[in-house]
């Protein structure tokens, strides 16, 4: 924001409370001699907790069931009422395989999930073994995953990474969670 950048000598640093910094005009800050920092690494476990909570809430239809109850529509238990889908033993595809995705893989291990992953470069074998993860090309990962969790930075190559053609590859029942930047998913085609 130009007003912030032109605040004068009182402003000494721009500190972003996140790992990404695509929401800051770094070039303009640099031009004015203002350093830009981020909080790389401090939110790894917290973000993975949230990503897995989102996955679980969608799979088990938590929000939908809560809204149903709050609207006074509950008339009694039924065996198929908001049944949702199991997570254990399913396939959790990770798009990106940095710190947060690896933390997701650890959480998925507790549910005995299969972990295909896609990253800009393949992880070392010892890392794959540690997380029981298998490298896949993105189309293959999307086709085989029951859950797809996005963990990539927003760049030119990841902008609308998940759009109509990629949605068509996914299982009709797949659940997509995005704790990356919003524009990684083309919401219009979603």
Protein backbone atom coordinates (compact mmCIF):
# COMPACT_ATOMS: atom_id res chain seq x y z
CA UNK A 1 0.00 0.00 0.00
CA UNK A 2 1.58 3.30 -1.13
CA UNK A 3 0.40 5.13 2.00
CA UNK A 4 2.23 2.70 4.24
CA UNK A 5 5.34 2.68 2.05
CA UNK A 6 5.44 6.49 2.05
CA UNK A 7 5.15 6.74 5.85
CA UNK A 8 8.63 8.19 5.97
CA UNK A 9 11.51 7.56 8.35
CA UNK A 10 9.31 6.17 11.14
CA UNK A 11 8.77 2.98 9.18
CA UNK A 12 11.84 0.77 9.46
CA UNK A 13 10.62 -2.73 8.49
CA UNK A 14 7.63 -4.52 7.02
CA UNK A 15 7.10 -7.77 8.93
CA UNK A 16 4.60 -10.16 7.38
CA UNK A 17 2.91 -12.52 9.82
CA UNK A 18 3.03 -15.41 7.35
CA UNK A 19 5.43 -17.51 5.31
CA UNK A 20 4.37 -16.02 1.97
CA UNK A 21 5.00 -12.43 1.01
CA UNK A 22 3.09 -12.13 -2.28
CA UNK A 23 0.80 -9.63 -0.52
CA UNK A 24 3.67 -7.12 -0.19
CA UNK A 25 5.18 -5.01 -2.95
CA UNK A 26 8.74 -6.06 -2.14
CA UNK A 27 10.20 -4.08 -5.05
CA UNK A 28 8.59 -0.84 -3.81
CA UNK A 29 9.77 -1.52 -0.26
CA UNK A 30 13.29 -2.26 -1.47
CA UNK A 31 13.30 0.93 -3.54
CA UNK A 32 12.54 2.85 -0.34
CA UNK A 33 15.17 0.98 1.69
CA UNK A 34 12.60 -0.82 3.82
CA UNK A 35 13.45 -4.43 4.64
CA UNK A 36 10.65 -7.00 4.32
CA UNK A 37 10.55 -10.03 6.60
CA UNK A 38 8.26 -13.00 7.00
CA UNK A 39 7.76 -15.68 9.65
CA UNK A 40 9.00 -18.70 7.75
CA UNK A 41 8.64 -21.90 9.75
CA UNK A 42 6.81 -20.64 12.85
CA UNK A 43 3.37 -21.64 11.58
CA UNK A 44 4.22 -25.05 10.11
CA UNK A 45 2.47 -27.22 12.68
CA UNK A 46 -0.39 -24.73 13.16
CA UNK A 47 -1.10 -24.61 9.43
CA UNK A 48 -0.90 -28.40 9.13
CA UNK A 49 -3.32 -28.71 12.07
CA UNK A 50 -5.75 -26.39 10.29
CA UNK A 51 -5.35 -28.18 6.96
CA UNK A 52 -6.03 -31.54 8.57
CA UNK A 53 -8.95 -30.09 10.54
CA UNK A 54 -10.45 -28.81 7.27
CA UNK A 55 -9.96 -32.21 5.68
CA UNK A 56 -11.66 -33.94 8.62
CA UNK A 57 -14.51 -31.41 8.79
CA UNK A 58 -15.26 -31.91 5.10
CA UNK A 59 -14.91 -35.68 5.18
CA UNK A 60 -17.15 -36.05 8.23
CA UNK A 61 -19.56 -33.25 7.13
CA UNK A 62 -19.17 -31.38 10.42
CA UNK A 63 -20.19 -27.90 9.25
CA UNK A 64 -23.13 -29.19 7.24
CA UNK A 65 -24.41 -31.23 10.21
CA UNK A 66 -23.99 -28.27 12.58
CA UNK A 67 -25.97 -26.00 10.24
CA UNK A 68 -28.66 -28.68 9.96
CA UNK A 69 -28.95 -28.88 13.76
CA UNK A 70 -28.92 -25.11 14.26
CA UNK A 71 -31.68 -24.72 11.66
CA UNK A 72 -33.87 -27.05 13.74
CA UNK A 73 -34.10 -29.68 11.01
CA UNK A 74 -32.97 -32.65 13.14
CA UNK A 75 -35.85 -35.06 13.72
CA UNK A 76 -33.92 -38.08 14.94
CA UNK A 77 -30.96 -40.31 14.21
CA UNK A 78 -30.67 -42.26 10.98
CA UNK A 79 -27.86 -44.62 9.93
CA UNK A 80 -27.00 -42.58 6.82
CA UNK A 81 -27.60 -39.10 8.25
CA UNK A 82 -24.44 -37.05 7.57
CA UNK A 83 -22.42 -40.23 7.30
CA UNK A 84 -19.51 -38.59 5.48
CA UNK A 85 -16.49 -40.52 4.34
CA UNK A 86 -13.65 -42.29 6.10
CA UNK A 87 -10.16 -40.87 6.13
CA UNK A 88 -8.29 -43.92 7.39
CA UNK A 89 -6.83 -46.13 4.70
CA UNK A 90 -7.55 -43.60 1.96
CA UNK A 91 -5.22 -41.61 -0.31
CA UNK A 92 -4.06 -38.13 0.74
CA UNK A 93 -2.43 -36.37 -2.22
CA UNK A 94 -0.09 -33.54 -1.27
CA UNK A 95 0.59 -30.84 -3.86
CA UNK A 96 3.86 -29.37 -2.66
CA UNK A 97 6.13 -31.20 -0.24
CA UNK A 98 7.67 -28.56 1.97
CA UNK A 99 7.48 -28.32 5.76
CA UNK A 100 3.68 -27.99 5.99
CA UNK A 101 2.98 -30.82 3.53
CA UNK A 102 5.42 -33.03 5.42
CA UNK A 103 3.57 -32.19 8.65
CA UNK A 104 0.35 -33.21 6.86
CA UNK A 105 2.01 -36.49 5.86
CA UNK A 106 2.80 -37.13 9.54
CA UNK A 107 -0.86 -36.54 10.42
CA UNK A 108 -1.99 -38.75 7.55
CA UNK A 109 0.25 -41.55 8.83
CA UNK A 110 -1.93 -41.70 11.95
CA UNK A 111 -4.85 -42.52 9.67
CA UNK A 112 -2.86 -45.07 7.64
CA UNK A 113 -3.26 -43.00 4.48
CA UNK A 114 -1.36 -43.53 1.27
CA UNK A 115 0.67 -40.37 0.50
CA UNK A 116 1.37 -39.50 -3.14
CA UNK A 117 2.99 -36.08 -3.50
CA UNK A 118 3.91 -33.64 -6.24
CA UNK A 119 6.62 -31.06 -5.80
CA UNK A 120 8.69 -28.93 -8.15
CA UNK A 121 11.47 -31.44 -7.54
CA UNK A 122 11.46 -34.92 -6.13
CA UNK A 123 12.37 -35.28 -2.45
CA UNK A 124 15.39 -37.35 -1.43
CA UNK A 125 14.65 -41.07 -1.00
CA UNK A 126 15.23 -40.95 2.75
CA UNK A 127 12.56 -38.24 3.09
CA UNK A 128 10.13 -40.24 0.97
CA UNK A 129 10.77 -43.29 3.16
CA UNK A 130 10.36 -41.29 6.37
CA UNK A 131 6.90 -40.09 5.29
CA UNK A 132 5.91 -43.18 3.28
CA UNK A 133 5.40 -40.75 0.40
CA UNK A 134 5.53 -41.53 -3.31
CA UNK A 135 6.33 -38.98 -5.99
CA UNK A 136 3.69 -38.53 -8.69
CA UNK A 137 3.06 -36.27 -11.62
CA UNK A 138 0.16 -33.94 -10.85
CA UNK A 139 -2.42 -35.59 -13.16
CA UNK A 140 -1.72 -39.00 -11.59
CA UNK A 141 -1.90 -37.61 -8.07
CA UNK A 142 -5.24 -35.93 -8.78
CA UNK A 143 -6.71 -39.08 -10.33
CA UNK A 144 -5.79 -41.38 -7.45
CA UNK A 145 -6.36 -39.15 -4.42
CA UNK A 146 -9.41 -39.20 -2.19
CA UNK A 147 -8.15 -35.99 -0.56
CA UNK A 148 -6.00 -33.35 -2.24
CA UNK A 149 -4.23 -30.87 0.02
CA UNK A 150 -2.49 -27.85 -1.53
CA UNK A 151 0.81 -26.59 -0.05
CA UNK A 152 2.52 -24.46 -2.69
CA UNK A 153 3.52 -20.79 -2.79
CA UNK A 154 1.64 -18.45 -5.11
CA UNK A 155 3.84 -17.92 -8.17
CA UNK A 156 3.23 -17.49 -11.87
CA UNK A 157 3.42 -21.26 -12.29
CA UNK A 158 1.00 -22.02 -9.43
CA UNK A 159 -1.58 -19.32 -10.21
CA UNK A 160 -4.80 -21.25 -10.99
CA UNK A 161 -2.80 -24.48 -10.80
CA UNK A 162 -6.07 -26.20 -9.95
CA UNK A 163 -8.66 -25.23 -12.55
CA UNK A 164 -11.25 -26.89 -14.77
CA UNK A 165 -8.96 -29.43 -16.47
CA UNK A 166 -7.47 -30.47 -13.12
CA UNK A 167 -10.89 -30.72 -11.47
CA UNK A 168 -11.94 -33.06 -14.29
CA UNK A 169 -9.10 -35.42 -13.35
CA UNK A 170 -10.20 -35.68 -9.72
CA UNK A 171 -12.56 -38.31 -8.39
CA UNK A 172 -16.13 -37.04 -8.14
CA UNK A 173 -15.95 -37.71 -4.40
CA UNK A 174 -12.51 -36.14 -3.82
CA UNK A 175 -12.13 -33.44 -1.21
CA UNK A 176 -9.82 -30.50 -1.92
CA UNK A 177 -8.29 -28.38 0.84
CA UNK A 178 -6.22 -25.30 0.17
CA UNK A 179 -4.01 -23.73 2.82
CA UNK A 180 -1.87 -22.19 0.10
CA UNK A 181 -2.82 -18.80 -1.29
CA UNK A 182 -6.37 -18.57 -2.62
CA UNK A 183 -5.52 -17.98 -6.30
CA UNK A 184 -3.77 -21.36 -6.54
CA UNK A 185 -7.34 -22.57 -7.14
CA UNK A 186 -9.44 -21.05 -9.90
CA UNK A 187 -12.56 -20.46 -7.82
CA UNK A 188 -14.68 -19.65 -10.88
CA UNK A 189 -14.24 -23.19 -12.19
CA UNK A 190 -14.53 -24.66 -8.71
